N, C-alpha and C. Protein backbone atom coordinates (compact mmCIF):
# COMPACT_ATOMS: atom_id res chain seq x y z
N UNK A 1 111.75 97.09 120.88
CA UNK A 1 111.67 98.48 122.33
C UNK A 1 111.33 98.11 123.54
N UNK A 2 111.92 97.83 124.36
CA UNK A 2 111.27 98.77 125.64
C UNK A 2 111.20 99.66 126.44
N UNK A 3 109.55 99.63 126.97
CA UNK A 3 108.63 101.02 127.45
C UNK A 3 109.24 100.43 129.09
N UNK A 4 110.21 101.37 129.60
CA UNK A 4 110.36 101.29 130.74
C UNK A 4 109.81 102.22 132.07
N UNK A 5 110.43 101.95 133.15
CA UNK A 5 109.62 103.04 133.99
C UNK A 5 111.04 104.14 134.43
N UNK A 6 110.61 104.71 134.72
CA UNK A 6 112.08 106.32 135.06
C UNK A 6 112.79 105.58 136.69
N UNK A 7 114.24 105.75 136.25
CA UNK A 7 115.03 105.54 137.89
C UNK A 7 116.32 106.34 137.44
N UNK A 8 116.71 107.17 139.18
CA UNK A 8 117.19 107.57 139.30
C UNK A 8 118.55 108.29 138.02
N UNK A 9 118.51 107.11 137.54
CA UNK A 9 120.01 106.87 137.00
C UNK A 9 119.58 107.27 135.57
N UNK A 10 118.76 107.53 135.36
CA UNK A 10 118.15 107.76 134.01
C UNK A 10 118.19 110.13 134.27
N UNK A 11 118.22 109.93 135.03
CA UNK A 11 118.05 111.36 134.84
C UNK A 11 118.89 112.16 134.30
N UNK A 12 120.19 112.13 134.25
CA UNK A 12 121.54 112.77 133.20
C UNK A 12 121.52 112.65 131.71
N UNK A 13 121.18 111.51 131.07
CA UNK A 13 120.64 110.96 129.98
C UNK A 13 119.69 111.20 129.45
N UNK A 14 118.62 111.31 130.21
CA UNK A 14 116.62 112.11 129.75
C UNK A 14 117.03 113.87 129.45
N UNK A 15 118.20 113.92 130.44
CA UNK A 15 118.07 115.90 130.88
C UNK A 15 118.76 116.37 129.11
N UNK A 16 120.16 115.22 129.06
CA UNK A 16 120.46 115.75 127.83
C UNK A 16 119.67 115.81 126.71
N UNK A 17 119.05 114.19 126.53
CA UNK A 17 118.00 114.20 125.76
C UNK A 17 117.01 115.12 125.26
N UNK A 18 116.84 115.83 126.48
CA UNK A 18 116.20 116.99 126.37
C UNK A 18 116.28 117.98 125.56
N UNK A 19 117.96 118.68 126.12
CA UNK A 19 118.38 119.56 125.61
C UNK A 19 118.84 119.66 123.89
N UNK A 20 119.14 118.19 123.73
CA UNK A 20 119.62 117.62 122.45
C UNK A 20 118.48 117.59 121.88
N UNK A 21 116.95 117.51 122.23
CA UNK A 21 115.99 117.49 121.38
C UNK A 21 115.58 118.71 121.28
N UNK A 22 115.56 120.22 121.91
CA UNK A 22 114.98 120.78 121.66
C UNK A 22 115.86 122.54 121.71
N UNK A 23 117.09 121.78 121.48
CA UNK A 23 117.77 123.04 120.96
C UNK A 23 118.02 123.67 119.56
N UNK A 24 117.45 122.52 118.56
CA UNK A 24 116.93 122.89 117.17
C UNK A 24 115.98 124.50 117.35
N UNK A 25 114.62 124.05 117.93
CA UNK A 25 113.71 125.21 118.58
C UNK A 25 114.41 126.52 119.29
N UNK A 26 115.18 126.26 120.14
CA UNK A 26 115.09 127.42 120.86
C UNK A 26 116.28 128.30 120.30
N UNK A 27 117.18 127.62 119.62
CA UNK A 27 118.63 128.45 118.97
C UNK A 27 118.61 128.64 117.53
N UNK A 28 117.67 127.58 116.85
CA UNK A 28 117.59 127.50 115.52
C UNK A 28 116.40 128.54 115.08
N UNK A 29 115.03 128.56 115.58
CA UNK A 29 113.49 129.16 115.60
C UNK A 29 112.82 130.16 116.18
N UNK A 30 112.94 129.86 117.37
CA UNK A 30 112.80 131.07 118.44
C UNK A 30 113.51 131.79 118.49
N UNK A 31 114.47 131.54 118.23
CA UNK A 31 115.91 132.86 118.70
C UNK A 31 116.05 133.78 117.64
N UNK A 32 115.97 134.01 116.16
CA UNK A 32 116.31 134.60 115.25
C UNK A 32 114.60 135.10 114.89
N UNK A 33 113.79 134.33 115.55
CA UNK A 33 112.25 134.94 114.97
C UNK A 33 111.65 135.61 115.58
N UNK A 34 112.11 136.12 117.29
CA UNK A 34 111.91 136.96 118.13
C UNK A 34 112.61 137.82 118.37
N UNK A 35 114.79 138.00 118.05
CA UNK A 35 115.25 138.85 118.11
C UNK A 35 115.69 138.23 120.01
N UNK A 36 117.18 138.67 119.76
CA UNK A 36 117.71 138.48 120.92
C UNK A 36 117.31 138.86 122.08
N UNK A 37 115.95 139.96 122.22
CA UNK A 37 115.87 140.82 123.68
C UNK A 37 114.82 139.79 123.97
N UNK A 38 113.89 139.47 123.03
CA UNK A 38 112.71 138.60 123.55
C UNK A 38 113.20 137.18 123.96
N UNK A 39 113.89 136.96 122.90
CA UNK A 39 114.82 135.10 123.54
C UNK A 39 115.10 135.45 124.64
N UNK A 40 116.05 136.31 125.00
CA UNK A 40 116.85 136.41 126.88
C UNK A 40 115.94 136.80 127.08
N UNK A 41 114.95 136.45 127.47
CA UNK A 41 113.69 137.52 128.91
C UNK A 41 112.69 135.75 129.06
N UNK A 42 112.41 135.50 127.39
CA UNK A 42 111.72 134.27 127.74
C UNK A 42 111.91 132.96 127.86
N UNK A 43 113.27 132.88 127.32
CA UNK A 43 114.18 131.39 127.20
C UNK A 43 115.52 131.58 127.23
N UNK A 44 116.04 132.71 127.40
CA UNK A 44 117.69 132.54 127.46
C UNK A 44 118.12 132.09 128.52
N UNK A 45 117.52 131.14 129.17
CA UNK A 45 118.64 130.18 130.37
C UNK A 45 117.96 128.44 130.45
N UNK A 46 117.13 128.17 128.38
CA UNK A 46 116.56 127.37 128.51
C UNK A 46 117.26 126.06 129.08
N UNK A 47 118.32 125.65 128.57
CA UNK A 47 119.19 125.07 129.18
C UNK A 47 119.13 124.32 130.89
N UNK A 48 119.26 125.67 131.33
CA UNK A 48 118.84 125.30 132.84
C UNK A 48 117.91 125.10 133.40
N UNK A 49 116.73 125.82 132.78
CA UNK A 49 115.51 125.20 133.12
C UNK A 49 114.91 124.13 132.57
N UNK A 50 115.74 123.37 131.20
CA UNK A 50 115.05 122.08 131.48
C UNK A 50 116.04 121.22 132.44
N UNK A 51 117.16 121.25 132.51
CA UNK A 51 117.81 120.81 133.94
C UNK A 51 117.10 121.22 135.46
N UNK A 52 116.34 121.86 135.72
CA UNK A 52 115.46 121.78 136.41
C UNK A 52 114.19 121.17 136.23
N UNK A 53 113.63 122.21 135.73
CA UNK A 53 111.79 120.75 135.46
C UNK A 53 112.60 119.01 135.21
N UNK A 54 113.10 119.00 134.34
CA UNK A 54 113.84 117.29 134.27
C UNK A 54 113.76 116.52 135.26
N UNK A 55 114.54 116.95 136.26
CA UNK A 55 114.30 116.39 137.61
C UNK A 55 113.14 116.70 138.65
N UNK A 56 112.61 116.88 137.74
CA UNK A 56 110.68 117.36 139.03
C UNK A 56 110.33 116.31 138.26
N UNK A 57 110.07 116.00 137.22
CA UNK A 57 108.79 115.19 136.16
C UNK A 57 108.98 113.73 136.52
N UNK A 58 109.77 113.20 137.35
CA UNK A 58 109.33 112.11 137.87
C UNK A 58 108.70 112.15 139.27
N UNK A 59 107.07 112.19 139.91
CA UNK A 59 107.41 112.15 141.84
C UNK A 59 105.28 111.50 141.31
N UNK A 60 106.02 110.01 141.70
CA UNK A 60 104.45 109.50 141.48
C UNK A 60 103.69 110.13 142.59
N UNK A 61 103.75 110.77 144.34
CA UNK A 61 103.50 111.43 145.15
C UNK A 61 102.39 112.38 144.59
N UNK A 62 102.90 113.24 143.46
CA UNK A 62 102.84 113.98 142.89
C UNK A 62 101.56 114.25 141.33
N UNK A 63 101.37 112.44 141.51
CA UNK A 63 101.10 112.15 140.39
C UNK A 63 101.68 112.63 139.25
N UNK A 64 102.82 112.37 139.16
CA UNK A 64 103.98 112.52 137.77
C UNK A 64 104.86 111.70 137.41
N UNK A 65 104.63 110.88 136.36
CA UNK A 65 105.10 110.06 136.12
C UNK A 65 106.66 110.34 134.61
N UNK A 66 107.15 109.61 134.79
CA UNK A 66 107.87 109.07 133.16
C UNK A 66 108.63 107.73 132.30
N UNK A 67 108.02 107.76 131.33
CA UNK A 67 108.71 105.89 131.34
C UNK A 67 109.63 106.38 130.18
N UNK A 68 110.42 105.65 130.03
CA UNK A 68 111.83 105.75 129.62
C UNK A 68 111.39 104.44 128.11
N UNK A 69 111.46 104.77 126.78
CA UNK A 69 111.73 104.13 125.43
C UNK A 69 113.22 103.72 125.48
N UNK A 70 113.69 101.65 125.14
CA UNK A 70 114.72 102.07 125.19
C UNK A 70 114.95 101.04 123.60
N UNK A 71 115.94 100.73 123.10
CA UNK A 71 116.18 100.44 121.90
C UNK A 71 117.68 99.64 122.42
N UNK A 72 117.55 98.46 122.01
CA UNK A 72 119.19 97.89 122.51
C UNK A 72 119.81 98.82 123.51
N UNK A 73 119.35 98.31 124.47
CA UNK A 73 120.09 99.36 125.69
C UNK A 73 120.16 100.38 126.08
N UNK A 74 119.81 101.18 124.65
CA UNK A 74 119.69 102.72 124.18
C UNK A 74 119.12 103.97 124.91
N UNK A 75 118.43 104.66 125.74
CA UNK A 75 117.75 105.77 126.01
C UNK A 75 117.49 105.90 124.19
N UNK A 76 115.85 105.84 123.61
CA UNK A 76 115.74 106.43 122.87
C UNK A 76 114.49 107.15 122.48
N UNK A 77 114.49 107.12 123.52
CA UNK A 77 113.49 108.61 123.83
C UNK A 77 112.74 108.70 125.42
N UNK A 78 111.48 109.54 125.49
CA UNK A 78 110.87 109.14 126.90
C UNK A 78 109.76 110.52 127.14
N UNK A 79 108.87 109.53 127.92
CA UNK A 79 107.36 110.36 127.60
C UNK A 79 107.54 111.13 129.16
N UNK A 80 106.78 111.98 129.76
CA UNK A 80 106.08 112.83 131.09
C UNK A 80 104.93 112.74 130.78
N UNK A 81 104.37 113.36 132.09
CA UNK A 81 103.30 113.13 132.06
C UNK A 81 102.55 113.33 133.24
N UNK A 82 101.65 113.46 133.73
CA UNK A 82 100.67 113.73 134.71
C UNK A 82 99.32 113.52 134.97
N UNK A 83 99.03 113.46 136.21
CA UNK A 83 97.28 113.16 136.30
C UNK A 83 96.86 114.24 137.31
N UNK A 84 95.75 114.90 137.20
CA UNK A 84 94.86 115.34 138.09
C UNK A 84 93.16 114.43 138.26
N UNK A 85 94.11 113.71 139.37
CA UNK A 85 92.77 112.68 139.61
C UNK A 85 91.09 113.51 140.13
N UNK A 86 91.28 114.69 140.32
CA UNK A 86 89.71 114.90 140.68
C UNK A 86 89.07 115.75 139.32
N UNK A 87 89.80 115.84 139.11
CA UNK A 87 89.59 116.52 137.44
C UNK A 87 88.86 115.59 136.19
N UNK A 88 89.74 114.33 136.34
CA UNK A 88 90.18 112.84 135.14
C UNK A 88 91.13 113.45 134.39
N UNK A 89 91.76 114.13 134.79
CA UNK A 89 92.38 114.54 132.85
C UNK A 89 94.04 114.29 132.90
N UNK A 90 94.44 114.16 132.40
CA UNK A 90 95.90 113.98 131.92
C UNK A 90 97.03 114.94 131.40
N UNK A 91 97.85 115.07 131.29
CA UNK A 91 98.39 115.81 130.44
C UNK A 91 100.04 115.55 130.13
N UNK A 92 100.35 115.15 128.75
CA UNK A 92 102.05 115.06 128.63
C UNK A 92 102.43 115.95 129.00
N UNK A 93 103.89 116.24 129.56
CA UNK A 93 104.59 117.55 129.29
C UNK A 93 105.51 117.66 128.60
N UNK A 94 106.00 116.41 128.21
CA UNK A 94 107.33 116.36 127.45
C UNK A 94 107.73 114.89 127.04
N UNK A 95 107.66 115.47 125.30
CA UNK A 95 108.09 113.98 124.88
C UNK A 95 109.41 114.09 123.92
N UNK A 96 109.97 113.66 123.75
CA UNK A 96 111.69 113.87 123.22
C UNK A 96 112.13 112.49 122.59
N UNK A 97 112.69 112.42 122.18
CA UNK A 97 112.78 110.95 121.13
C UNK A 97 114.55 111.55 120.73
N UNK A 98 115.38 110.80 120.68
CA UNK A 98 116.81 110.45 119.83
C UNK A 98 116.95 111.07 118.62
N UNK A 99 117.06 112.10 117.93
CA UNK A 99 117.78 112.22 116.45
C UNK A 99 117.50 110.87 115.59
N UNK A 100 118.37 109.99 116.36
CA UNK A 100 118.75 108.71 115.74
C UNK A 100 117.39 107.67 116.04
N UNK A 101 116.64 108.25 116.89
CA UNK A 101 115.03 106.93 116.68
C UNK A 101 114.30 107.69 116.22
N UNK A 102 114.09 108.93 115.54
CA UNK A 102 112.80 109.34 115.44
C UNK A 102 112.16 108.48 113.87
N UNK A 103 111.22 108.30 113.45
CA UNK A 103 110.55 108.23 112.93
C UNK A 103 110.30 106.53 113.09
N UNK A 104 110.61 105.78 113.82
CA UNK A 104 110.27 103.98 114.16
C UNK A 104 109.70 104.26 114.91
N UNK A 105 108.73 105.08 115.35
CA UNK A 105 107.15 104.43 115.80
C UNK A 105 107.52 104.50 117.97
N UNK A 106 108.87 105.54 117.87
CA UNK A 106 109.24 105.81 119.37
C UNK A 106 108.23 106.74 119.75
N UNK A 107 107.74 107.62 119.19
CA UNK A 107 106.05 108.28 119.94
C UNK A 107 105.40 108.31 120.48
N UNK A 108 105.13 107.99 119.67
CA UNK A 108 103.71 106.77 118.72
C UNK A 108 103.80 105.59 120.66
N UNK A 109 104.54 104.92 120.53
CA UNK A 109 104.41 103.79 121.23
C UNK A 109 104.30 104.49 122.77
N UNK A 110 105.51 105.42 123.04
CA UNK A 110 105.70 106.26 124.49
C UNK A 110 104.26 107.15 124.92
N UNK A 111 103.69 107.71 123.67
CA UNK A 111 101.96 108.12 123.74
C UNK A 111 101.49 107.26 123.79
N UNK A 112 101.12 105.94 123.65
CA UNK A 112 100.77 105.30 123.83
C UNK A 112 100.67 104.81 125.16
N UNK A 113 101.74 104.54 125.30
CA UNK A 113 102.07 103.92 127.04
C UNK A 113 101.22 104.98 128.20
N UNK A 114 101.33 105.70 127.47
CA UNK A 114 101.14 107.25 128.98
C UNK A 114 99.58 107.01 129.12
N UNK A 115 98.96 107.48 127.79
CA UNK A 115 97.48 107.43 127.33
C UNK A 115 96.97 106.12 128.58
N UNK A 116 98.05 104.80 128.35
CA UNK A 116 97.14 103.65 129.08
C UNK A 116 97.42 104.26 130.68
N UNK A 117 98.14 104.68 130.85
CA UNK A 117 98.54 104.74 132.05
C UNK A 117 97.60 105.44 132.74
N UNK A 118 97.12 106.60 132.19
CA UNK A 118 96.46 107.50 132.67
C UNK A 118 95.21 107.04 132.85
N UNK A 119 94.99 106.00 131.81
CA UNK A 119 93.71 105.37 132.07
C UNK A 119 93.23 105.13 132.96
N UNK A 120 94.01 104.28 133.49
CA UNK A 120 94.61 103.01 134.56
C UNK A 120 94.29 103.72 136.16
N UNK A 121 94.64 105.40 135.80
CA UNK A 121 94.62 106.21 136.98
C UNK A 121 92.80 107.23 136.81
N UNK A 122 92.26 107.07 136.06
CA UNK A 122 91.29 107.04 135.70
C UNK A 122 90.99 108.41 134.82
N UNK A 123 92.73 108.80 134.29
CA UNK A 123 92.15 109.33 133.81
C UNK A 123 90.74 109.60 132.26
N UNK A 124 90.17 110.61 132.64
CA UNK A 124 89.14 110.62 130.51
C UNK A 124 89.39 111.11 129.53
N UNK A 125 90.02 113.02 129.89
CA UNK A 125 91.05 113.35 128.79
C UNK A 125 91.99 113.33 128.78
N UNK A 126 92.87 113.66 127.88
CA UNK A 126 94.63 114.24 127.98
C UNK A 126 94.77 115.56 127.31
N UNK A 127 95.44 116.19 128.03
CA UNK A 127 96.01 117.03 127.22
C UNK A 127 97.42 116.95 126.15
N UNK A 128 98.19 117.54 125.41
CA UNK A 128 99.13 117.56 124.92
C UNK A 128 99.97 118.51 123.65
N UNK A 129 99.91 119.49 124.41
CA UNK A 129 100.92 120.67 123.66
C UNK A 129 101.96 120.52 122.72
N UNK A 130 102.47 121.23 121.63
CA UNK A 130 102.85 121.51 120.92
C UNK A 130 103.21 122.81 120.10
N UNK A 131 104.30 123.65 119.69
CA UNK A 131 103.89 124.83 118.81
C UNK A 131 103.61 125.28 117.53
N UNK A 132 103.34 125.85 116.97
CA UNK A 132 102.61 126.75 115.31
C UNK A 132 103.83 126.04 114.68
N UNK A 133 104.63 126.14 115.35
CA UNK A 133 105.84 126.64 113.83
C UNK A 133 106.92 125.41 113.55
N UNK A 134 107.67 125.47 112.22
CA UNK A 134 108.16 124.19 111.42
C UNK A 134 108.59 123.69 112.60
N UNK A 135 109.50 123.80 113.32
CA UNK A 135 109.53 122.49 114.25
C UNK A 135 109.04 121.50 115.03
N UNK A 136 108.16 122.52 114.86
CA UNK A 136 107.30 120.74 115.92
C UNK A 136 106.13 120.44 114.98
N UNK A 137 106.80 120.90 113.82
CA UNK A 137 104.95 120.04 112.96
C UNK A 137 105.43 118.55 112.47
N UNK A 138 105.89 118.07 112.80
CA UNK A 138 105.98 116.42 113.49
C UNK A 138 105.69 116.01 114.60
N UNK A 139 105.12 116.81 115.20
CA UNK A 139 104.48 116.63 116.53
C UNK A 139 102.81 116.55 116.07
N UNK A 140 102.89 117.79 115.23
CA UNK A 140 101.65 117.55 115.19
C UNK A 140 100.93 116.73 115.21
N UNK A 141 101.40 115.96 113.39
CA UNK A 141 100.82 115.63 112.76
C UNK A 141 101.26 113.89 113.63
N UNK A 142 101.92 113.50 114.83
CA UNK A 142 101.23 112.34 115.37
C UNK A 142 100.56 112.62 116.45
N UNK A 143 100.22 113.97 116.29
CA UNK A 143 99.54 114.20 118.06
C UNK A 143 97.96 114.04 117.16
N UNK A 144 97.92 113.88 116.00
CA UNK A 144 96.46 114.16 115.03
C UNK A 144 96.26 112.73 114.53
N UNK A 145 98.07 111.86 114.14
CA UNK A 145 97.33 110.03 114.34
C UNK A 145 96.87 109.90 114.75
N UNK A 146 97.19 109.88 116.58
CA UNK A 146 96.94 109.35 117.73
C UNK A 146 95.32 110.17 118.19
N UNK A 147 94.83 110.39 116.98
CA UNK A 147 93.29 110.99 117.01
C UNK A 147 93.48 112.10 118.41
N UNK A 148 94.22 113.36 118.49
CA UNK A 148 94.08 114.71 119.28
C UNK A 148 93.06 115.70 118.84
N UNK A 149 92.66 116.34 119.00
CA UNK A 149 92.14 117.57 118.31
C UNK A 149 92.81 118.94 118.58
N UNK A 150 93.21 119.45 117.60
CA UNK A 150 93.90 120.79 117.90
C UNK A 150 93.08 121.89 118.68
N UNK A 151 93.80 122.53 119.16
CA UNK A 151 92.81 123.75 119.74
C UNK A 151 94.10 124.85 119.23
N UNK A 152 92.90 126.03 118.42
CA UNK A 152 94.34 126.55 117.29
C UNK A 152 94.86 127.94 118.95
N UNK A 153 95.69 128.08 118.73
CA UNK A 153 96.39 129.37 119.82
C UNK A 153 97.98 129.69 119.14
N UNK A 154 97.27 131.37 119.59
CA UNK A 154 98.29 131.96 118.97
C UNK A 154 99.19 132.50 120.19
N UNK A 155 100.31 132.56 120.57
CA UNK A 155 101.01 133.77 121.37
C UNK A 155 101.94 134.66 120.85
N UNK A 156 101.34 135.97 121.02
CA UNK A 156 102.22 137.04 120.58
C UNK A 156 103.31 137.69 121.77
N UNK A 157 104.91 137.88 121.17
CA UNK A 157 105.17 138.59 121.76
C UNK A 157 105.90 139.72 121.29
N UNK A 158 106.13 140.86 122.21
CA UNK A 158 106.52 142.43 121.93
C UNK A 158 107.98 142.41 121.99
N UNK A 159 109.14 142.98 122.36
CA UNK A 159 109.80 144.09 122.90
C UNK A 159 109.32 145.35 123.64
N UNK A 160 109.21 145.05 124.66
CA UNK A 160 109.29 147.13 125.28
C UNK A 160 109.59 147.81 125.04
């Protein structure tokens, strides 16, 4: 596995990888749980939201970065992170691994790479978040193996 820096040629495949990775959460978990009205307001345009978000993830002048994991010249996954130098804090904003490369330590390697890069930029703490639902259970397990401490948090939605 090769971990490399982002290039503009990666934008379209990373956007599609992100949409493929998180489609089950939005369509199979969040939508049925919350109902159509809440889903529409909260995440009704989630694909377009990711198209915009992924395009803005890599901006070193703003201390935001992407690293790509490649396996046999194929994008296996990526991690996006940012660093707030004044607060000495880093944050992983997105971690996505293709279905065929999950359970092969790609996510672990990407997180460790991002953590190393954050340390090099003088970050002393990292924040990495995920959901408490079943879809996000593998992410929670990964973050715990990386030594992260969970902060219990509950978010409620209600249709008005």
